[in-house]
Amino acid sequence: MNLTQKKYSKFALVREMMETPGIVKAFRPESSIPFIPAFKNKKGLFLTGEGSSRLFPAKRAIFSNLRKEFLLPVMTEGCTQSLEYNLNDFVVFAASNSGQTKEVIRLVEKLKKKKHDAVFGLTANKNTRLEEMAHAAHVLRCGKENAVAATKSVVEQALFYDSLLRNLRGEKMTGLHKTAGLMEEVLTATIDRKIIDMVRNADMIWFAGRDNGVAAELALKTNEITRKKSGFLEGTFALHGIEEVMNKNEVLIWVDPFDHDRDKFMECIVKGVGVNVIAISDEKTDFPTIVIPEGGDYAEYLQLAAGWNILVETGITLGIDLDHPVRARKVGNEYVAAGK
């Protein structure tokens, strides 16, 4: 996709996706430093929110944390289930781009009533209920999103959590300029028409891969952008029973395929069921592959961008209004003050 053709540029969704490399390039890792003192008397970090404000930002933070020498536990859960948890020993970050998400406000209110002393907000808007309720809040610099599907804000949220954990470790956050350039390359890459046709003609779009937020977030974006049903199959879950109900008119997009089990995906999913498996990878595979640059510590951001590219091309081919879903709303469950 690109902004030189009207079929792309007329959509706020595409324009906001294409703003993302600039947001990566301009990100300030020091923005999370003011929150570091809160960890002095806490044993872990708890990241919550709803939908896109949690899936990629929180799960990527957990994934990244677990690949390094142990520092502290990082956990995530949706806000409503989190009401049942004892979070006293955690620094809590609640993310809501609008700052008005009902589930988020409800959890923050409960934690404050229980005298929790480290509840912070992450939002894209100033002067919101979340900013008012939290002990402190970080307001993203990406600006307002006009499309219903969140994109650039998701990436900046993830960068903020990334910087928070790096600042806790005393690590420098380098390589953002290079990553921004690679992300633009991935977003503007031409995707093989055969791959787009596979996705466009599919009745169901499955995503498989690591539970690092990429595939789960893309599954959500599939609903909003292509209006097709989707599902996320964590790890190698696709080989453990779900194939019984898969059909040959479905597609599975495998993000960063494991070196192991590629033969089994070919045997059970492609040959056994007839599902088209498409890979997003930094190397060619035996499946139709969207090859992206090797991204190092920021590989997940490039994988997400490749998925966006697929979905936009699919949506445009289907003639869908990418900015205005029929039922989905910008704020899924909005907080409304009593009496209003």
C-alpha atoms as a PDB file:
ATOM      1  CA  MET A   1       0.000   0.000   0.000  1.00  0.00           C
ATOM      2  CA  ASN A   2       1.069   3.588  -0.499  1.00  0.00           C
ATOM      3  CA  LEU A   3      -0.268   7.115  -0.332  1.00  0.00           C
ATOM      4  CA  THR A   4       0.377   8.014  -3.981  1.00  0.00           C
ATOM      5  CA  GLN A   5      -2.766   6.210  -5.135  1.00  0.00           C
ATOM      6  CA  LYS A   6      -6.199   7.479  -4.149  1.00  0.00           C
ATOM      7  CA  LYS A   7      -7.537   3.992  -3.505  1.00  0.00           C
ATOM      8  CA  TYR A   8      -5.225   3.957  -0.482  1.00  0.00           C
ATOM      9  CA  SER A   9      -4.883   7.620   0.496  1.00  0.00           C
ATOM     10  CA  LYS A  10      -8.618   8.226   0.799  1.00  0.00           C
ATOM     11  CA  PHE A  11      -8.719   6.040   3.904  1.00  0.00           C
ATOM     12  CA  ALA A  12      -7.702   7.392   7.312  1.00  0.00           C
ATOM     13  CA  LEU A  13      -6.753   3.826   8.254  1.00  0.00           C
ATOM     14  CA  VAL A  14      -4.039   3.708   5.599  1.00  0.00           C
ATOM     15  CA  ARG A  15      -2.835   7.222   6.355  1.00  0.00           C
ATOM     16  CA  GLU A  16      -2.527   6.350  10.050  1.00  0.00           C
ATOM     17  CA  MET A  17      -0.699   3.115   9.300  1.00  0.00           C
ATOM     18  CA  MET A  18       1.736   5.066   7.160  1.00  0.00           C
ATOM     19  CA  GLU A  19       2.326   7.543  10.008  1.00  0.00           C
ATOM     20  CA  THR A  20       3.602   4.704  12.184  1.00  0.00           C
ATOM     21  CA  PRO A  21       7.225   4.633  10.942  1.00  0.00           C
ATOM     22  CA  GLY A  22       7.520   8.309  11.854  1.00  0.00           C
ATOM     23  CA  ILE A  23       6.143   7.577  15.317  1.00  0.00           C
ATOM     24  CA  VAL A  24       8.725   4.818  15.783  1.00  0.00           C
ATOM     25  CA  LYS A  25      11.500   7.114  14.616  1.00  0.00           C
ATOM     26  CA  ALA A  26      10.443   9.966  16.937  1.00  0.00           C
ATOM     27  CA  PHE A  27       9.733   7.834  20.013  1.00  0.00           C
ATOM     28  CA  ARG A  28      11.417   9.043  23.185  1.00  0.00           C
ATOM     29  CA  PRO A  29      12.568   6.136  25.394  1.00  0.00           C
ATOM     30  CA  GLU A  30      12.991   8.508  28.327  1.00  0.00           C
ATOM     31  CA  SER A  31       9.216   9.044  28.442  1.00  0.00           C
ATOM     32  CA  SER A  32       8.795   6.069  30.789  1.00  0.00           C
ATOM     33  CA  ILE A  33      11.515   7.098  33.261  1.00  0.00           C
ATOM     34  CA  PRO A  34       9.144   9.041  35.578  1.00  0.00           C
ATOM     35  CA  PHE A  35       7.336   5.772  36.337  1.00  0.00           C
ATOM     36  CA  ILE A  36      10.422   3.825  37.436  1.00  0.00           C
ATOM     37  CA  PRO A  37      10.286   4.870  41.145  1.00  0.00           C
ATOM     38  CA  ALA A  38       6.907   3.135  41.477  1.00  0.00           C
ATOM     39  CA  PHE A  39       8.653  -0.242  41.228  1.00  0.00           C
ATOM     40  CA  LYS A  40      10.648   0.289  44.420  1.00  0.00           C
ATOM     41  CA  ASN A  41       8.147  -1.550  46.607  1.00  0.00           C
ATOM     42  CA  LYS A  42       6.485  -3.728  43.958  1.00  0.00           C
ATOM     43  CA  LYS A  43       7.269  -7.224  42.739  1.00  0.00           C
ATOM     44  CA  GLY A  44       5.836  -7.181  39.241  1.00  0.00           C
ATOM     45  CA  LEU A  45       4.228  -5.315  36.346  1.00  0.00           C
ATOM     46  CA  PHE A  46       0.588  -5.851  35.366  1.00  0.00           C
ATOM     47  CA  LEU A  47      -0.591  -4.573  31.975  1.00  0.00           C
ATOM     48  CA  THR A  48      -4.292  -4.356  31.282  1.00  0.00           C
ATOM     49  CA  GLY A  49      -6.751  -2.823  28.855  1.00  0.00           C
ATOM     50  CA  GLU A  50      -9.216  -4.004  26.244  1.00  0.00           C
ATOM     51  CA  GLY A  51      -8.817  -5.067  22.619  1.00  0.00           C
ATOM     52  CA  SER A  52      -5.916  -3.526  20.727  1.00  0.00           C
ATOM     53  CA  SER A  53      -4.783  -1.538  23.760  1.00  0.00           C
ATOM     54  CA  ARG A  54      -3.772  -4.817  25.391  1.00  0.00           C
ATOM     55  CA  LEU A  55      -3.162  -7.532  22.811  1.00  0.00           C
ATOM     56  CA  PHE A  56       0.007  -6.399  21.060  1.00  0.00           C
ATOM     57  CA  PRO A  57       1.453  -3.933  23.605  1.00  0.00           C
ATOM     58  CA  ALA A  58       1.095  -6.171  26.663  1.00  0.00           C
ATOM     59  CA  LYS A  59       1.794  -9.559  25.106  1.00  0.00           C
ATOM     60  CA  ARG A  60       4.844  -8.321  23.264  1.00  0.00           C
ATOM     61  CA  ALA A  61       6.160  -6.891  26.548  1.00  0.00           C
ATOM     62  CA  ILE A  62       5.724 -10.273  28.237  1.00  0.00           C
ATOM     63  CA  PHE A  63       7.333 -12.102  25.315  1.00  0.00           C
ATOM     64  CA  SER A  64      10.314  -9.770  25.272  1.00  0.00           C
ATOM     65  CA  ASN A  65      10.719  -9.923  29.049  1.00  0.00           C
ATOM     66  CA  LEU A  66      10.733 -13.718  29.136  1.00  0.00           C
ATOM     67  CA  ARG A  67      13.534 -13.912  26.585  1.00  0.00           C
ATOM     68  CA  LYS A  68      15.878 -11.968  28.856  1.00  0.00           C
ATOM     69  CA  GLU A  69      17.508 -12.659  32.184  1.00  0.00           C
ATOM     70  CA  PHE A  70      14.765 -12.612  34.816  1.00  0.00           C
ATOM     71  CA  LEU A  71      14.032  -9.197  36.271  1.00  0.00           C
ATOM     72  CA  LEU A  72      10.411  -9.272  37.418  1.00  0.00           C
ATOM     73  CA  PRO A  73       7.186 -10.944  36.304  1.00  0.00           C
ATOM     74  CA  VAL A  74       5.123  -9.162  33.675  1.00  0.00           C
ATOM     75  CA  MET A  75       1.501 -10.278  33.364  1.00  0.00           C
ATOM     76  CA  THR A  76      -1.645  -9.273  31.530  1.00  0.00           C
ATOM     77  CA  GLU A  77      -5.372  -9.881  31.640  1.00  0.00           C
ATOM     78  CA  GLY A  78      -8.506  -8.075  30.574  1.00  0.00           C
ATOM     79  CA  CYS A  79      -9.899  -5.520  32.997  1.00  0.00           C
ATOM     80  CA  THR A  80     -13.048  -7.354  34.044  1.00  0.00           C
ATOM     81  CA  GLN A  81     -11.255 -10.568  34.983  1.00  0.00           C
ATOM     82  CA  SER A  82      -8.607  -8.440  36.697  1.00  0.00           C
ATOM     83  CA  LEU A  83     -11.274  -7.247  39.134  1.00  0.00           C
ATOM     84  CA  GLU A  84     -10.951 -10.673  40.759  1.00  0.00           C
ATOM     85  CA  TYR A  85      -7.170 -10.485  41.233  1.00  0.00           C
ATOM     86  CA  ASN A  86      -4.995  -9.312  44.100  1.00  0.00           C
ATOM     87  CA  LEU A  87      -2.768  -6.768  42.356  1.00  0.00           C
ATOM     88  CA  ASN A  88      -1.267  -5.168  45.462  1.00  0.00           C
ATOM     89  CA  ASP A  89       2.268  -6.289  44.605  1.00  0.00           C
ATOM     90  CA  PHE A  90       2.095  -5.082  40.994  1.00  0.00           C
ATOM     91  CA  VAL A  91       2.641  -1.772  39.306  1.00  0.00           C
ATOM     92  CA  VAL A  92      -0.520  -1.566  37.209  1.00  0.00           C
ATOM     93  CA  PHE A  93      -0.731   0.096  33.806  1.00  0.00           C
ATOM     94  CA  ALA A  94      -4.223   0.414  32.347  1.00  0.00           C
ATOM     95  CA  ALA A  95      -4.317   1.355  28.667  1.00  0.00           C
ATOM     96  CA  SER A  96      -7.207   3.052  26.888  1.00  0.00           C
ATOM     97  CA  ASN A  97      -6.694   5.268  23.864  1.00  0.00           C
ATOM     98  CA  SER A  98      -9.928   7.119  24.499  1.00  0.00           C
ATOM     99  CA  GLY A  99      -9.332   7.268  28.241  1.00  0.00           C
ATOM    100  CA  GLN A 100     -13.034   6.430  28.536  1.00  0.00           C
ATOM    101  CA  THR A 101     -13.193   2.621  28.231  1.00  0.00           C
ATOM    102  CA  LYS A 102     -15.724   1.414  30.798  1.00  0.00           C
ATOM    103  CA  GLU A 103     -13.883  -1.744  31.852  1.00  0.00           C
ATOM    104  CA  VAL A 104     -10.655   0.207  32.364  1.00  0.00           C
ATOM    105  CA  ILE A 105     -12.280   2.942  34.449  1.00  0.00           C
ATOM    106  CA  ARG A 106     -14.106   0.351  36.556  1.00  0.00           C
ATOM    107  CA  LEU A 107     -10.869  -1.477  37.400  1.00  0.00           C
ATOM    108  CA  VAL A 108      -8.954   1.712  38.192  1.00  0.00           C
ATOM    109  CA  GLU A 109     -11.757   2.897  40.456  1.00  0.00           C
ATOM    110  CA  LYS A 110     -11.746  -0.388  42.363  1.00  0.00           C
ATOM    111  CA  LEU A 111      -7.965  -0.391  42.798  1.00  0.00           C
ATOM    112  CA  LYS A 112      -7.993   3.200  44.033  1.00  0.00           C
ATOM    113  CA  LYS A 113     -10.741   2.397  46.543  1.00  0.00           C
ATOM    114  CA  LYS A 114      -8.566  -0.461  47.827  1.00  0.00           C
ATOM    115  CA  LYS A 115      -5.736   2.054  48.337  1.00  0.00           C
ATOM    116  CA  HIS A 116      -3.512   0.618  45.612  1.00  0.00           C
ATOM    117  CA  ASP A 117      -0.660   3.104  45.323  1.00  0.00           C
ATOM    118  CA  ALA A 118       0.699   2.434  41.797  1.00  0.00           C
ATOM    119  CA  VAL A 119      -2.074   2.578  39.190  1.00  0.00           C
ATOM    120  CA  PHE A 120      -1.097   4.345  35.973  1.00  0.00           C
ATOM    121  CA  GLY A 121      -2.838   5.161  32.730  1.00  0.00           C
ATOM    122  CA  LEU A 122      -1.706   4.969  29.120  1.00  0.00           C
ATOM    123  CA  THR A 123      -3.902   6.963  26.761  1.00  0.00           C
ATOM    124  CA  ALA A 124      -3.884   8.892  23.504  1.00  0.00           C
ATOM    125  CA  ASN A 125      -6.054  11.736  24.751  1.00  0.00           C
ATOM    126  CA  LYS A 126      -5.600  14.448  27.367  1.00  0.00           C
ATOM    127  CA  ASN A 127      -8.048  15.354  30.136  1.00  0.00           C
ATOM    128  CA  THR A 128      -9.845  12.008  30.226  1.00  0.00           C
ATOM    129  CA  ARG A 129     -11.478  10.060  33.026  1.00  0.00           C
ATOM    130  CA  LEU A 130      -8.532   7.647  33.045  1.00  0.00           C
ATOM    131  CA  GLU A 131      -5.991  10.450  33.434  1.00  0.00           C
ATOM    132  CA  GLU A 132      -8.124  11.909  36.226  1.00  0.00           C
ATOM    133  CA  MET A 133      -8.435   8.603  38.088  1.00  0.00           C
ATOM    134  CA  ALA A 134      -4.906   7.168  37.751  1.00  0.00           C
ATOM    135  CA  HIS A 135      -2.013   8.230  39.966  1.00  0.00           C
ATOM    136  CA  ALA A 136      -0.339   9.447  36.784  1.00  0.00           C
ATOM    137  CA  ALA A 137      -0.775   8.878  33.060  1.00  0.00           C
ATOM    138  CA  HIS A 138       1.358   8.924  29.961  1.00  0.00           C
ATOM    139  CA  VAL A 139      -0.325  10.516  26.947  1.00  0.00           C
ATOM    140  CA  LEU A 140       0.842   9.159  23.611  1.00  0.00           C
ATOM    141  CA  ARG A 141       2.232  11.547  21.017  1.00  0.00           C
ATOM    142  CA  CYS A 142       0.743   9.751  17.981  1.00  0.00           C
ATOM    143  CA  GLY A 143      -2.354  11.948  17.876  1.00  0.00           C
ATOM    144  CA  LYS A 144      -5.984  11.104  17.303  1.00  0.00           C
ATOM    145  CA  GLU A 145      -6.962   8.132  15.175  1.00  0.00           C
ATOM    146  CA  ASN A 146      -9.948   8.676  12.893  1.00  0.00           C
ATOM    147  CA  ALA A 147     -10.286   5.112  11.659  1.00  0.00           C
ATOM    148  CA  VAL A 148     -12.133   2.696  13.934  1.00  0.00           C
ATOM    149  CA  ALA A 149      -9.283   0.169  13.823  1.00  0.00           C
ATOM    150  CA  ALA A 150      -6.411   1.247  16.092  1.00  0.00           C
ATOM    151  CA  THR A 151      -2.985   1.098  14.439  1.00  0.00           C
ATOM    152  CA  LYS A 152      -0.373   3.760  15.164  1.00  0.00           C
ATOM    153  CA  SER A 153      -1.451   3.960  18.823  1.00  0.00           C
ATOM    154  CA  VAL A 154      -0.937   0.208  19.247  1.00  0.00           C
ATOM    155  CA  VAL A 155       2.677   0.534  18.163  1.00  0.00           C
ATOM    156  CA  GLU A 156       3.390   3.527  20.402  1.00  0.00           C
ATOM    157  CA  GLN A 157       1.857   1.738  23.390  1.00  0.00           C
ATOM    158  CA  ALA A 158       4.160  -1.216  22.734  1.00  0.00           C
ATOM    159  CA  LEU A 159       7.168   1.090  22.445  1.00  0.00           C
ATOM    160  CA  PHE A 160       6.290   2.703  25.766  1.00  0.00           C
ATOM    161  CA  TYR A 161       6.151  -0.660  27.570  1.00  0.00           C
ATOM    162  CA  ASP A 162       9.351  -1.687  25.793  1.00  0.00           C
ATOM    163  CA  SER A 163      11.100   1.457  27.054  1.00  0.00           C
ATOM    164  CA  LEU A 164       9.712   0.961  30.558  1.00  0.00           C
ATOM    165  CA  LEU A 165      11.228  -2.508  30.852  1.00  0.00           C
ATOM    166  CA  ARG A 166      14.496  -1.397  29.289  1.00  0.00           C
ATOM    167  CA  ASN A 167      14.753   1.555  31.684  1.00  0.00           C
ATOM    168  CA  LEU A 168      14.145  -0.820  34.590  1.00  0.00           C
ATOM    169  CA  ARG A 169      17.050  -2.917  33.341  1.00  0.00           C
ATOM    170  CA  GLY A 170      19.256   0.066  32.598  1.00  0.00           C
ATOM    171  CA  GLU A 171      19.318  -0.835  28.898  1.00  0.00           C
ATOM    172  CA  LYS A 172      19.512   1.610  26.021  1.00  0.00           C
ATOM    173  CA  MET A 173      16.708   1.516  23.467  1.00  0.00           C
ATOM    174  CA  THR A 174      18.586   1.826  20.203  1.00  0.00           C
ATOM    175  CA  GLY A 175      17.826   1.031  16.577  1.00  0.00           C
ATOM    176  CA  LEU A 176      14.512   2.859  16.273  1.00  0.00           C
ATOM    177  CA  HIS A 177      15.546   4.877  13.209  1.00  0.00           C
ATOM    178  CA  LYS A 178      16.520   1.707  11.360  1.00  0.00           C
ATOM    179  CA  THR A 179      13.315  -0.033  12.447  1.00  0.00           C
ATOM    180  CA  ALA A 180      11.241   2.893  11.198  1.00  0.00           C
ATOM    181  CA  GLY A 181      12.821   2.587   7.766  1.00  0.00           C
ATOM    182  CA  LEU A 182      12.245  -1.157   7.655  1.00  0.00           C
ATOM    183  CA  MET A 183       8.640  -0.725   8.752  1.00  0.00           C
ATOM    184  CA  GLU A 184       7.970   1.700   5.914  1.00  0.00           C
ATOM    185  CA  GLU A 185       9.554  -0.802   3.543  1.00  0.00           C
ATOM    186  CA  VAL A 186       7.230  -3.541   4.784  1.00  0.00           C
ATOM    187  CA  LEU A 187       4.122  -1.354   4.667  1.00  0.00           C
ATOM    188  CA  THR A 188       4.742  -0.299   1.075  1.00  0.00           C
ATOM    189  CA  ALA A 189       5.860  -3.692  -0.227  1.00  0.00           C
ATOM    190  CA  THR A 190       3.855  -5.199  -3.084  1.00  0.00           C
ATOM    191  CA  ILE A 191       2.168  -8.430  -2.066  1.00  0.00           C
ATOM    192  CA  ASP A 192       1.772 -11.259  -4.571  1.00  0.00           C
ATOM    193  CA  ARG A 193      -1.734 -11.095  -6.022  1.00  0.00           C
ATOM    194  CA  LYS A 194      -2.097 -14.867  -5.570  1.00  0.00           C
ATOM    195  CA  ILE A 195      -1.715 -14.406  -1.808  1.00  0.00           C
ATOM    196  CA  ILE A 196      -4.290 -11.608  -1.701  1.00  0.00           C
ATOM    197  CA  ASP A 197      -6.702 -13.758  -3.708  1.00  0.00           C
ATOM    198  CA  MET A 198      -6.280 -16.610  -1.227  1.00  0.00           C
ATOM    199  CA  VAL A 199      -7.189 -14.294   1.645  1.00  0.00           C
ATOM    200  CA  ARG A 200      -9.945 -12.470  -0.242  1.00  0.00           C
ATOM    201  CA  ASN A 201     -11.705 -15.709  -1.193  1.00  0.00           C
ATOM    202  CA  ALA A 202     -11.387 -17.348   2.222  1.00  0.00           C
ATOM    203  CA  ASP A 203     -14.468 -17.824   4.405  1.00  0.00           C
ATOM    204  CA  MET A 204     -12.324 -17.847   7.545  1.00  0.00           C
ATOM    205  CA  ILE A 205      -8.871 -16.437   8.243  1.00  0.00           C
ATOM    206  CA  TRP A 206      -6.843 -18.182  10.933  1.00  0.00           C
ATOM    207  CA  PHE A 207      -3.665 -16.757  12.407  1.00  0.00           C
ATOM    208  CA  ALA A 208      -1.009 -18.901  14.040  1.00  0.00           C
ATOM    209  CA  GLY A 209       2.232 -18.066  15.784  1.00  0.00           C
ATOM    210  CA  ARG A 210       3.812 -17.089  19.050  1.00  0.00           C
ATOM    211  CA  ASP A 211       1.661 -15.578  21.769  1.00  0.00           C
ATOM    212  CA  ASN A 212       3.510 -12.277  21.469  1.00  0.00           C
ATOM    213  CA  GLY A 213       0.516 -10.215  20.445  1.00  0.00           C
ATOM    214  CA  VAL A 214       1.179 -10.078  16.697  1.00  0.00           C
ATOM    215  CA  ALA A 215      -1.138 -12.818  15.444  1.00  0.00           C
ATOM    216  CA  ALA A 216      -3.795 -12.091  18.072  1.00  0.00           C
ATOM    217  CA  GLU A 217      -3.868  -8.405  17.126  1.00  0.00           C
ATOM    218  CA  LEU A 218      -4.028  -9.249  13.422  1.00  0.00           C
ATOM    219  CA  ALA A 219      -6.958 -11.582  14.066  1.00  0.00           C
ATOM    220  CA  LEU A 220      -8.833  -8.666  15.637  1.00  0.00           C
ATOM    221  CA  LYS A 221      -7.868  -6.332  12.780  1.00  0.00           C
ATOM    222  CA  THR A 222      -9.159  -8.921  10.307  1.00  0.00           C
ATOM    223  CA  ASN A 223     -12.672  -8.494  11.676  1.00  0.00           C
ATOM    224  CA  GLU A 224     -12.506  -4.700  11.526  1.00  0.00           C
ATOM    225  CA  ILE A 225     -10.774  -4.338   8.152  1.00  0.00           C
ATOM    226  CA  THR A 226     -11.913  -7.293   5.997  1.00  0.00           C
ATOM    227  CA  ARG A 227     -15.202  -8.094   7.810  1.00  0.00           C
ATOM    228  CA  LYS A 228     -14.244 -11.766   7.715  1.00  0.00           C
ATOM    229  CA  LYS A 229     -14.271 -14.195  10.612  1.00  0.00           C
ATOM    230  CA  SER A 230     -10.895 -14.883  12.157  1.00  0.00           C
ATOM    231  CA  GLY A 231      -9.230 -16.766  14.963  1.00  0.00           C
ATOM    232  CA  PHE A 232      -5.843 -16.944  16.671  1.00  0.00           C
ATOM    233  CA  LEU A 233      -4.261 -20.374  17.143  1.00  0.00           C
ATOM    234  CA  GLU A 234      -1.474 -19.985  19.683  1.00  0.00           C
ATOM    235  CA  GLY A 235       1.803 -21.822  19.128  1.00  0.00           C
ATOM    236  CA  THR A 236       1.093 -25.142  17.404  1.00  0.00           C
ATOM    237  CA  PHE A 237      -2.541 -25.303  18.534  1.00  0.00           C
ATOM    238  CA  ALA A 238      -3.489 -25.798  14.878  1.00  0.00           C
ATOM    239  CA  LEU A 239      -2.098 -29.334  15.154  1.00  0.00           C
ATOM    240  CA  HIS A 240      -4.044 -30.286  18.254  1.00  0.00           C
ATOM    241  CA  GLY A 241      -7.656 -30.792  17.247  1.00  0.00           C
ATOM    242  CA  ILE A 242      -8.865 -27.634  15.510  1.00  0.00           C
ATOM    243  CA  GLU A 243      -8.076 -29.189  12.134  1.00  0.00           C
ATOM    244  CA  GLU A 244     -11.161 -31.362  12.667  1.00  0.00           C
ATOM    245  CA  VAL A 245     -13.416 -28.379  11.913  1.00  0.00           C
ATOM    246  CA  MET A 246     -11.233 -26.526   9.396  1.00  0.00           C
ATOM    247  CA  ASN A 247     -12.370 -26.409   5.783  1.00  0.00           C
ATOM    248  CA  LYS A 248     -10.514 -26.123   2.492  1.00  0.00           C
ATOM    249  CA  ASN A 249     -12.069 -22.702   1.813  1.00  0.00           C
ATOM    250  CA  GLU A 250     -10.134 -21.219   4.751  1.00  0.00           C
ATOM    251  CA  VAL A 251      -6.699 -19.625   5.075  1.00  0.00           C
ATOM    252  CA  LEU A 252      -4.112 -19.803   7.838  1.00  0.00           C
ATOM    253  CA  ILE A 253      -1.533 -17.013   8.097  1.00  0.00           C
ATOM    254  CA  TRP A 254       1.461 -18.260  10.077  1.00  0.00           C
ATOM    255  CA  VAL A 255       3.502 -15.440  11.587  1.00  0.00           C
ATOM    256  CA  ASP A 256       7.224 -16.213  11.930  1.00  0.00           C
ATOM    257  CA  PRO A 257       6.819 -19.994  11.570  1.00  0.00           C
ATOM    258  CA  PHE A 258       8.686 -22.136  14.058  1.00  0.00           C
ATOM    259  CA  ASP A 259      11.562 -24.084  12.529  1.00  0.00           C
ATOM    260  CA  HIS A 260       9.964 -27.138  14.072  1.00  0.00           C
ATOM    261  CA  ASP A 261       6.624 -28.514  12.862  1.00  0.00           C
ATOM    262  CA  ARG A 262       6.592 -26.922   9.422  1.00  0.00           C
ATOM    263  CA  ASP A 263       6.357 -30.406   7.959  1.00  0.00           C
ATOM    264  CA  LYS A 264       3.351 -31.169  10.162  1.00  0.00           C
ATOM    265  CA  PHE A 265       1.567 -27.972   9.123  1.00  0.00           C
ATOM    266  CA  MET A 266       2.132 -29.003   5.511  1.00  0.00           C
ATOM    267  CA  GLU A 267       0.951 -32.562   6.147  1.00  0.00           C
ATOM    268  CA  CYS A 268      -2.047 -31.874   8.393  1.00  0.00           C
ATOM    269  CA  ILE A 269      -3.273 -28.418   7.425  1.00  0.00           C
ATOM    270  CA  VAL A 270      -2.352 -28.027   3.759  1.00  0.00           C
ATOM    271  CA  LYS A 271      -2.531 -31.605   2.491  1.00  0.00           C
ATOM    272  CA  GLY A 272      -4.861 -33.028   5.137  1.00  0.00           C
ATOM    273  CA  VAL A 273      -7.494 -30.273   5.179  1.00  0.00           C
ATOM    274  CA  GLY A 274      -6.759 -28.273   2.045  1.00  0.00           C
ATOM    275  CA  VAL A 275      -6.281 -24.975   3.895  1.00  0.00           C
ATOM    276  CA  ASN A 276      -3.925 -22.498   2.252  1.00  0.00           C
ATOM    277  CA  VAL A 277      -1.103 -21.665   4.676  1.00  0.00           C
ATOM    278  CA  ILE A 278       0.630 -18.314   4.117  1.00  0.00           C
ATOM    279  CA  ALA A 279       3.787 -17.405   6.020  1.00  0.00           C
ATOM    280  CA  ILE A 280       5.074 -14.038   7.217  1.00  0.00           C
ATOM    281  CA  SER A 281       8.797 -14.610   7.704  1.00  0.00           C
ATOM    282  CA  ASP A 282      12.261 -13.129   7.254  1.00  0.00           C
ATOM    283  CA  GLU A 283      13.115 -16.119   5.064  1.00  0.00           C
ATOM    284  CA  LYS A 284      11.412 -18.098   2.329  1.00  0.00           C
ATOM    285  CA  THR A 285       9.441 -21.143   3.422  1.00  0.00           C
ATOM    286  CA  ASP A 286       7.709 -24.036   1.693  1.00  0.00           C
ATOM    287  CA  PHE A 287       4.461 -22.062   1.965  1.00  0.00           C
ATOM    288  CA  PRO A 288       3.551 -18.936  -0.023  1.00  0.00           C
ATOM    289  CA  THR A 289       5.615 -16.407   1.920  1.00  0.00           C
ATOM    290  CA  ILE A 290       5.620 -12.678   2.511  1.00  0.00           C
ATOM    291  CA  VAL A 291       9.328 -12.150   3.132  1.00  0.00           C
ATOM    292  CA  ILE A 292      10.168  -9.249   5.443  1.00  0.00           C
ATOM    293  CA  PRO A 293      13.516  -7.893   6.666  1.00  0.00           C
ATOM    294  CA  GLU A 294      15.124  -9.362   9.759  1.00  0.00           C
ATOM    295  CA  GLY A 295      14.057  -7.027  12.569  1.00  0.00           C
ATOM    296  CA  GLY A 296      16.177  -8.097  15.534  1.00  0.00           C
ATOM    297  CA  ASP A 297      14.716  -6.865  18.827  1.00  0.00           C
ATOM    298  CA  TYR A 298      11.910  -5.165  16.915  1.00  0.00           C
ATOM    299  CA  ALA A 299      10.925  -8.052  14.636  1.00  0.00           C
ATOM    300  CA  GLU A 300       7.361  -8.117  15.954  1.00  0.00           C
ATOM    301  CA  TYR A 301       6.723  -4.573  14.753  1.00  0.00           C
ATOM    302  CA  LEU A 302       7.661  -5.574  11.205  1.00  0.00           C
ATOM    303  CA  GLN A 303       5.507  -8.695  11.391  1.00  0.00           C
ATOM    304  CA  LEU A 304       2.553  -6.569  12.480  1.00  0.00           C
ATOM    305  CA  ALA A 305       3.145  -4.143   9.610  1.00  0.00           C
ATOM    306  CA  ALA A 306       3.207  -7.022   7.109  1.00  0.00           C
ATOM    307  CA  GLY A 307      -0.124  -8.219   8.468  1.00  0.00           C
ATOM    308  CA  TRP A 308      -1.588  -4.734   8.127  1.00  0.00           C
ATOM    309  CA  ASN A 309      -0.458  -4.670   4.507  1.00  0.00           C
ATOM    310  CA  ILE A 310      -2.202  -7.970   3.772  1.00  0.00           C
ATOM    311  CA  LEU A 311      -5.433  -6.851   5.410  1.00  0.00           C
ATOM    312  CA  VAL A 312      -5.557  -3.467   3.694  1.00  0.00           C
ATOM    313  CA  GLU A 313      -4.954  -5.020   0.278  1.00  0.00           C
ATOM    314  CA  THR A 314      -7.652  -7.591   1.004  1.00  0.00           C
ATOM    315  CA  GLY A 315     -10.151  -4.998   2.209  1.00  0.00           C
ATOM    316  CA  ILE A 316      -9.593  -2.745  -0.808  1.00  0.00           C
ATOM    317  CA  THR A 317      -9.911  -5.692  -3.195  1.00  0.00           C
ATOM    318  CA  LEU A 318     -13.236  -6.516  -1.531  1.00  0.00           C
ATOM    319  CA  GLY A 319     -14.421  -2.926  -1.928  1.00  0.00           C
ATOM    320  CA  ILE A 320     -14.784  -2.355   1.818  1.00  0.00           C
ATOM    321  CA  ASP A 321     -14.948   1.048   3.505  1.00  0.00           C
ATOM    322  CA  LEU A 322     -11.905   0.566   5.731  1.00  0.00           C
ATOM    323  CA  ASP A 323     -12.733   3.455   8.049  1.00  0.00           C
ATOM    324  CA  HIS A 324     -16.362   2.727   8.869  1.00  0.00           C
ATOM    325  CA  PRO A 325     -17.354  -0.758  10.043  1.00  0.00           C
ATOM    326  CA  VAL A 326     -21.098  -1.309  10.242  1.00  0.00           C
ATOM    327  CA  ARG A 327     -21.218  -2.369  13.897  1.00  0.00           C
ATOM    328  CA  ALA A 328     -17.796  -1.928  15.493  1.00  0.00           C
ATOM    329  CA  ARG A 329     -17.233   1.350  17.364  1.00  0.00           C
ATOM    330  CA  LYS A 330     -14.127   3.370  18.087  1.00  0.00           C
ATOM    331  CA  VAL A 331     -14.724   2.954  21.809  1.00  0.00           C
ATOM    332  CA  GLY A 332     -16.181  -0.490  22.270  1.00  0.00           C
ATOM    333  CA  ASN A 333     -17.701  -0.028  25.734  1.00  0.00           C
ATOM    334  CA  GLU A 334     -17.568   3.620  26.676  1.00  0.00           C
ATOM    335  CA  TYR A 335     -17.719   4.893  30.232  1.00  0.00           C
ATOM    336  CA  VAL A 336     -20.603   7.266  30.846  1.00  0.00           C
ATOM    337  CA  ALA A 337     -20.732   9.234  34.075  1.00  0.00           C
ATOM    338  CA  ALA A 338     -23.796   8.738  36.260  1.00  0.00           C
ATOM    339  CA  GLY A 339     -26.621  11.089  35.378  1.00  0.00           C
ATOM    340  CA  LYS A 340     -25.582  11.535  31.753  1.00  0.00           C
END
